[in-house]
N, C-alpha and C. Protein backbone atom coordinates (compact mmCIF):
# COMPACT_ATOMS: atom_id res chain seq x y z
N UNK A 1 16.85 171.71 -25.55
CA UNK A 1 15.95 171.03 -26.47
C UNK A 1 14.51 171.29 -26.02
N UNK A 2 13.64 171.63 -26.96
CA UNK A 2 12.25 171.93 -26.58
C UNK A 2 11.42 170.65 -26.48
N UNK A 3 10.22 170.81 -25.92
CA UNK A 3 9.34 169.65 -25.67
C UNK A 3 8.95 168.92 -26.94
N UNK A 4 8.70 169.66 -28.03
CA UNK A 4 8.31 169.04 -29.30
C UNK A 4 9.45 168.19 -29.84
N UNK A 5 10.67 168.69 -29.78
CA UNK A 5 11.82 167.93 -30.24
C UNK A 5 12.03 166.68 -29.39
N UNK A 6 11.91 166.81 -28.07
CA UNK A 6 12.05 165.66 -27.18
C UNK A 6 11.00 164.60 -27.48
N UNK A 7 9.76 165.04 -27.70
CA UNK A 7 8.69 164.09 -28.00
C UNK A 7 8.95 163.39 -29.33
N UNK A 8 9.42 164.13 -30.33
CA UNK A 8 9.71 163.52 -31.63
C UNK A 8 10.86 162.52 -31.53
N UNK A 9 11.87 162.82 -30.73
CA UNK A 9 12.97 161.87 -30.50
C UNK A 9 12.43 160.59 -29.86
N UNK A 10 11.53 160.74 -28.89
CA UNK A 10 10.92 159.59 -28.23
C UNK A 10 10.12 158.76 -29.24
N UNK A 11 9.31 159.41 -30.05
CA UNK A 11 8.52 158.70 -31.07
C UNK A 11 9.44 157.95 -32.03
N UNK A 12 10.47 158.62 -32.52
CA UNK A 12 11.41 157.99 -33.45
C UNK A 12 12.11 156.79 -32.84
N UNK A 13 12.51 156.93 -31.57
CA UNK A 13 13.21 155.83 -30.89
C UNK A 13 12.27 154.64 -30.69
N UNK A 14 11.01 154.91 -30.34
CA UNK A 14 10.02 153.83 -30.17
C UNK A 14 9.80 153.11 -31.49
N UNK A 15 9.63 153.86 -32.57
CA UNK A 15 9.41 153.24 -33.89
C UNK A 15 10.64 152.41 -34.29
N UNK A 16 11.84 152.93 -34.06
CA UNK A 16 13.06 152.16 -34.35
C UNK A 16 13.07 150.84 -33.59
N UNK A 17 12.72 150.89 -32.31
CA UNK A 17 12.72 149.69 -31.47
C UNK A 17 11.69 148.67 -31.97
N UNK A 18 10.52 149.16 -32.40
CA UNK A 18 9.49 148.27 -32.95
C UNK A 18 10.00 147.61 -34.22
N UNK A 19 10.59 148.41 -35.10
CA UNK A 19 11.09 147.86 -36.36
C UNK A 19 12.23 146.87 -36.13
N UNK A 20 13.08 147.12 -35.14
CA UNK A 20 14.19 146.20 -34.82
C UNK A 20 13.70 144.81 -34.44
N UNK A 21 12.52 144.74 -33.84
CA UNK A 21 11.98 143.45 -33.40
C UNK A 21 10.84 142.99 -34.31
N UNK A 22 10.83 143.51 -35.53
CA UNK A 22 9.90 143.07 -36.59
C UNK A 22 8.43 143.30 -36.26
N UNK A 23 8.14 144.35 -35.48
CA UNK A 23 6.75 144.72 -35.24
C UNK A 23 6.10 145.14 -36.55
N UNK A 24 4.82 144.90 -36.68
CA UNK A 24 4.11 145.13 -37.94
C UNK A 24 2.99 146.14 -37.76
N UNK A 25 2.51 146.66 -38.90
CA UNK A 25 1.36 147.57 -38.93
C UNK A 25 1.51 148.71 -37.93
N UNK A 26 2.62 149.41 -37.99
CA UNK A 26 2.88 150.51 -37.07
C UNK A 26 2.08 151.73 -37.49
N UNK A 27 1.32 152.28 -36.56
CA UNK A 27 0.53 153.48 -36.83
C UNK A 27 0.78 154.48 -35.71
N UNK A 28 0.95 155.74 -36.10
CA UNK A 28 1.16 156.82 -35.14
C UNK A 28 -0.04 157.75 -35.23
N UNK A 29 -0.70 157.96 -34.10
CA UNK A 29 -1.89 158.81 -34.02
C UNK A 29 -1.51 160.09 -33.30
N UNK A 30 -1.64 161.22 -33.99
CA UNK A 30 -1.40 162.53 -33.38
C UNK A 30 -2.72 163.01 -32.79
N UNK A 31 -2.80 162.99 -31.47
CA UNK A 31 -4.02 163.37 -30.77
C UNK A 31 -3.91 164.76 -30.13
N UNK A 32 -2.87 165.50 -30.47
CA UNK A 32 -2.61 166.77 -29.81
C UNK A 32 -3.71 167.81 -30.05
N UNK A 33 -4.45 167.69 -31.13
CA UNK A 33 -5.53 168.66 -31.40
C UNK A 33 -6.89 168.16 -30.91
N UNK A 34 -6.92 166.99 -30.29
CA UNK A 34 -8.18 166.43 -29.80
C UNK A 34 -8.32 166.76 -28.32
N UNK A 35 -9.39 167.45 -27.99
CA UNK A 35 -9.62 167.89 -26.62
C UNK A 35 -9.79 166.69 -25.68
N UNK A 36 -9.19 166.76 -24.51
CA UNK A 36 -9.30 165.75 -23.45
C UNK A 36 -8.74 164.38 -23.82
N UNK A 37 -7.82 164.30 -24.77
CA UNK A 37 -7.21 163.01 -25.08
C UNK A 37 -6.25 162.63 -23.96
N UNK A 38 -6.04 161.35 -23.77
CA UNK A 38 -5.22 160.88 -22.66
C UNK A 38 -3.73 161.08 -22.89
N UNK A 39 -3.34 161.27 -24.15
CA UNK A 39 -1.95 161.52 -24.50
C UNK A 39 -1.90 162.32 -25.79
N UNK A 40 -0.76 162.89 -26.08
CA UNK A 40 -0.62 163.65 -27.32
C UNK A 40 -0.42 162.73 -28.52
N UNK A 41 0.22 161.58 -28.29
CA UNK A 41 0.53 160.65 -29.37
C UNK A 41 0.29 159.22 -28.91
N UNK A 42 -0.33 158.43 -29.77
CA UNK A 42 -0.48 157.00 -29.56
C UNK A 42 0.28 156.29 -30.67
N UNK A 43 1.02 155.26 -30.32
CA UNK A 43 1.70 154.42 -31.31
C UNK A 43 1.16 153.01 -31.11
N UNK A 44 0.71 152.41 -32.20
CA UNK A 44 0.13 151.06 -32.14
C UNK A 44 0.89 150.18 -33.12
N UNK A 45 1.16 148.95 -32.71
CA UNK A 45 1.79 147.99 -33.61
C UNK A 45 1.33 146.59 -33.24
N UNK A 46 1.69 145.63 -34.10
CA UNK A 46 1.28 144.24 -33.89
C UNK A 46 2.49 143.32 -33.87
N UNK A 47 2.35 142.25 -33.10
CA UNK A 47 3.29 141.15 -33.09
C UNK A 47 2.52 139.88 -33.38
N UNK A 48 3.21 138.80 -33.71
CA UNK A 48 2.54 137.57 -34.12
C UNK A 48 2.41 136.52 -33.02
N UNK A 49 2.97 136.79 -31.85
CA UNK A 49 2.88 135.85 -30.74
C UNK A 49 3.13 136.60 -29.44
N UNK A 50 2.84 135.94 -28.32
CA UNK A 50 3.12 136.60 -27.05
C UNK A 50 4.62 136.80 -26.86
N UNK A 51 5.42 135.91 -27.40
CA UNK A 51 6.87 136.07 -27.33
C UNK A 51 7.32 137.31 -28.08
N UNK A 52 6.79 137.52 -29.27
CA UNK A 52 7.17 138.70 -30.05
C UNK A 52 6.64 139.99 -29.41
N UNK A 53 5.41 139.96 -28.89
CA UNK A 53 4.86 141.14 -28.22
C UNK A 53 5.76 141.51 -27.03
N UNK A 54 6.18 140.53 -26.24
CA UNK A 54 7.08 140.79 -25.11
C UNK A 54 8.43 141.33 -25.59
N UNK A 55 8.93 140.77 -26.68
CA UNK A 55 10.22 141.22 -27.22
C UNK A 55 10.15 142.66 -27.71
N UNK A 56 9.05 143.01 -28.39
CA UNK A 56 8.88 144.38 -28.87
C UNK A 56 8.83 145.35 -27.69
N UNK A 57 7.98 145.05 -26.71
CA UNK A 57 7.85 145.92 -25.54
C UNK A 57 9.18 146.04 -24.78
N UNK A 58 9.87 144.93 -24.62
CA UNK A 58 11.16 144.94 -23.94
C UNK A 58 12.20 145.77 -24.68
N UNK A 59 12.20 145.67 -26.00
CA UNK A 59 13.16 146.43 -26.81
C UNK A 59 12.86 147.93 -26.76
N UNK A 60 11.57 148.27 -26.79
CA UNK A 60 11.20 149.69 -26.65
C UNK A 60 11.72 150.24 -25.34
N UNK A 61 11.43 149.53 -24.25
CA UNK A 61 11.84 150.01 -22.93
C UNK A 61 13.36 150.14 -22.84
N UNK A 62 14.08 149.14 -23.35
CA UNK A 62 15.54 149.13 -23.29
C UNK A 62 16.15 150.27 -24.11
N UNK A 63 15.69 150.42 -25.37
CA UNK A 63 16.26 151.48 -26.23
C UNK A 63 15.98 152.87 -25.70
N UNK A 64 14.75 153.10 -25.27
CA UNK A 64 14.40 154.43 -24.76
C UNK A 64 15.18 154.72 -23.47
N UNK A 65 15.31 153.73 -22.61
CA UNK A 65 16.06 153.93 -21.36
C UNK A 65 17.54 154.18 -21.65
N UNK A 66 18.14 153.36 -22.50
CA UNK A 66 19.58 153.48 -22.75
C UNK A 66 19.95 154.70 -23.57
N UNK A 67 19.12 155.08 -24.54
CA UNK A 67 19.50 156.14 -25.46
C UNK A 67 18.90 157.50 -25.11
N UNK A 68 17.71 157.51 -24.48
CA UNK A 68 17.08 158.79 -24.13
C UNK A 68 16.97 158.99 -22.63
N UNK A 69 17.35 157.97 -21.86
CA UNK A 69 17.32 158.04 -20.39
C UNK A 69 15.93 158.32 -19.85
N UNK A 70 14.92 157.72 -20.48
CA UNK A 70 13.54 157.85 -20.03
C UNK A 70 12.99 156.46 -19.72
N UNK A 71 12.14 156.41 -18.74
CA UNK A 71 11.45 155.17 -18.38
C UNK A 71 9.95 155.39 -18.51
N UNK A 72 9.21 154.33 -18.82
CA UNK A 72 7.75 154.51 -18.89
C UNK A 72 7.19 154.82 -17.51
N UNK A 73 6.19 155.68 -17.50
CA UNK A 73 5.50 156.01 -16.25
C UNK A 73 4.71 154.81 -15.77
N UNK A 74 4.16 154.04 -16.70
CA UNK A 74 3.33 152.88 -16.35
C UNK A 74 3.40 151.85 -17.49
N UNK A 75 3.43 150.57 -17.14
CA UNK A 75 3.40 149.48 -18.12
C UNK A 75 2.40 148.46 -17.62
N UNK A 76 1.57 147.95 -18.52
CA UNK A 76 0.68 146.85 -18.12
C UNK A 76 0.46 145.89 -19.28
N UNK A 77 0.00 144.70 -18.94
CA UNK A 77 -0.27 143.68 -19.93
C UNK A 77 0.86 142.71 -20.16
N UNK A 78 1.93 142.83 -19.41
CA UNK A 78 3.10 141.97 -19.63
C UNK A 78 2.90 140.53 -19.15
N UNK A 79 1.89 140.32 -18.30
CA UNK A 79 1.67 138.98 -17.74
C UNK A 79 1.37 137.94 -18.83
N UNK A 80 0.43 138.24 -19.72
CA UNK A 80 0.09 137.27 -20.76
C UNK A 80 0.52 137.71 -22.15
N UNK A 81 0.92 138.97 -22.30
CA UNK A 81 1.45 139.53 -23.55
C UNK A 81 0.50 139.36 -24.74
N UNK A 82 -0.80 139.39 -24.47
CA UNK A 82 -1.76 139.49 -25.59
C UNK A 82 -1.71 140.91 -26.12
N UNK A 83 -1.44 141.84 -25.23
CA UNK A 83 -1.20 143.26 -25.53
C UNK A 83 -0.35 143.82 -24.41
N UNK A 84 0.43 144.82 -24.72
CA UNK A 84 1.20 145.53 -23.70
C UNK A 84 1.00 147.02 -23.93
N UNK A 85 0.72 147.74 -22.86
CA UNK A 85 0.57 149.19 -22.92
C UNK A 85 1.76 149.80 -22.17
N UNK A 86 2.41 150.76 -22.83
CA UNK A 86 3.54 151.48 -22.22
C UNK A 86 3.22 152.96 -22.26
N UNK A 87 3.17 153.57 -21.10
CA UNK A 87 2.77 154.97 -20.98
C UNK A 87 3.99 155.84 -20.68
N UNK A 88 4.39 156.64 -21.67
CA UNK A 88 5.48 157.60 -21.49
C UNK A 88 4.92 159.01 -21.30
N UNK A 89 3.71 159.13 -20.82
CA UNK A 89 2.94 160.34 -20.51
C UNK A 89 2.48 161.04 -21.79
N UNK A 90 3.36 161.69 -22.54
CA UNK A 90 2.91 162.34 -23.78
C UNK A 90 2.76 161.35 -24.92
N UNK A 91 3.42 160.21 -24.82
CA UNK A 91 3.35 159.16 -25.84
C UNK A 91 2.95 157.85 -25.17
N UNK A 92 1.90 157.21 -25.71
CA UNK A 92 1.44 155.92 -25.21
C UNK A 92 1.63 154.90 -26.34
N UNK A 93 2.19 153.74 -25.99
CA UNK A 93 2.45 152.69 -26.97
C UNK A 93 1.58 151.49 -26.64
N UNK A 94 0.91 150.95 -27.67
CA UNK A 94 0.15 149.71 -27.55
C UNK A 94 0.79 148.68 -28.47
N UNK A 95 1.20 147.55 -27.93
CA UNK A 95 1.73 146.45 -28.72
C UNK A 95 0.73 145.31 -28.58
N UNK A 96 0.13 144.92 -29.69
CA UNK A 96 -0.92 143.90 -29.68
C UNK A 96 -0.50 142.66 -30.43
N UNK A 97 -1.04 141.50 -30.01
CA UNK A 97 -1.05 140.36 -30.92
C UNK A 97 -2.08 140.69 -31.99
N UNK A 98 -1.83 140.24 -33.20
CA UNK A 98 -2.68 140.61 -34.33
C UNK A 98 -4.17 140.37 -34.08
N UNK A 99 -4.55 139.18 -33.58
CA UNK A 99 -5.95 138.86 -33.37
C UNK A 99 -6.58 139.77 -32.31
N UNK A 100 -5.83 140.10 -31.28
CA UNK A 100 -6.34 140.99 -30.23
C UNK A 100 -6.55 142.39 -30.78
N UNK A 101 -5.63 142.85 -31.60
CA UNK A 101 -5.77 144.18 -32.22
C UNK A 101 -7.00 144.24 -33.11
N UNK A 102 -7.21 143.19 -33.90
CA UNK A 102 -8.38 143.16 -34.78
C UNK A 102 -9.67 143.13 -33.97
N UNK A 103 -9.67 142.42 -32.86
CA UNK A 103 -10.86 142.31 -32.03
C UNK A 103 -11.25 143.66 -31.43
N UNK A 104 -10.27 144.38 -30.87
CA UNK A 104 -10.58 145.63 -30.18
C UNK A 104 -10.74 146.83 -31.12
N UNK A 105 -10.22 146.74 -32.33
CA UNK A 105 -10.33 147.81 -33.32
C UNK A 105 -10.00 149.18 -32.72
N UNK A 106 -8.92 149.24 -31.98
CA UNK A 106 -8.56 150.47 -31.26
C UNK A 106 -8.33 151.65 -32.21
N UNK A 107 -7.92 151.38 -33.44
CA UNK A 107 -7.69 152.47 -34.40
C UNK A 107 -8.96 153.27 -34.68
N UNK A 108 -10.11 152.64 -34.50
CA UNK A 108 -11.38 153.30 -34.79
C UNK A 108 -11.77 154.34 -33.74
N UNK A 109 -11.06 154.38 -32.61
CA UNK A 109 -11.41 155.30 -31.53
C UNK A 109 -11.14 156.75 -31.87
N UNK A 110 -10.20 157.00 -32.76
CA UNK A 110 -9.78 158.39 -33.03
C UNK A 110 -9.95 158.73 -34.50
N UNK A 111 -11.18 158.91 -34.92
CA UNK A 111 -11.48 159.25 -36.31
C UNK A 111 -10.92 160.60 -36.73
N UNK A 112 -10.76 161.55 -35.78
CA UNK A 112 -10.27 162.88 -36.14
C UNK A 112 -8.77 163.04 -35.93
N UNK A 113 -8.07 161.99 -35.56
CA UNK A 113 -6.64 162.08 -35.35
C UNK A 113 -5.90 162.09 -36.68
N UNK A 114 -4.75 162.76 -36.69
CA UNK A 114 -3.87 162.70 -37.84
C UNK A 114 -3.11 161.38 -37.69
N UNK A 115 -3.18 160.52 -38.71
CA UNK A 115 -2.59 159.19 -38.63
C UNK A 115 -1.45 159.06 -39.59
N UNK A 116 -0.33 158.54 -39.08
CA UNK A 116 0.81 158.23 -39.91
C UNK A 116 1.02 156.73 -39.87
N UNK A 117 1.03 156.09 -41.03
CA UNK A 117 1.28 154.65 -41.09
C UNK A 117 2.73 154.45 -41.53
N UNK A 118 3.47 153.69 -40.75
CA UNK A 118 4.87 153.41 -41.06
C UNK A 118 4.90 152.15 -41.93
N UNK A 119 5.49 152.28 -43.09
CA UNK A 119 5.58 151.13 -44.00
C UNK A 119 6.64 150.16 -43.50
N UNK A 120 6.33 148.87 -43.60
CA UNK A 120 7.26 147.82 -43.14
C UNK A 120 8.45 147.71 -44.06
């Protein structure tokens, strides 16, 4: 299996895990054509409480580990679950509480990225 196929499987599995736990406003940012980006793909979604944010992040980690045998290289933000960042190296996932996502406007950082919005 080539790297592109592996990355797409990872993206699909992450999106499935987000949808399973009712994550909202899922957006996929393709940063592969942007020079010096920290990852090739960013996935952003929202939850409505710290409990839901934790559940989404936990489900992503569990599904990816069990089905693709991959673990995140780094995870942070789990202490208060206002946001959780999961770094799978080529794919980075941000799970935000809605108000925190609106405050940081992280989507505005990549104006030249190809964006895919997943409909709920």
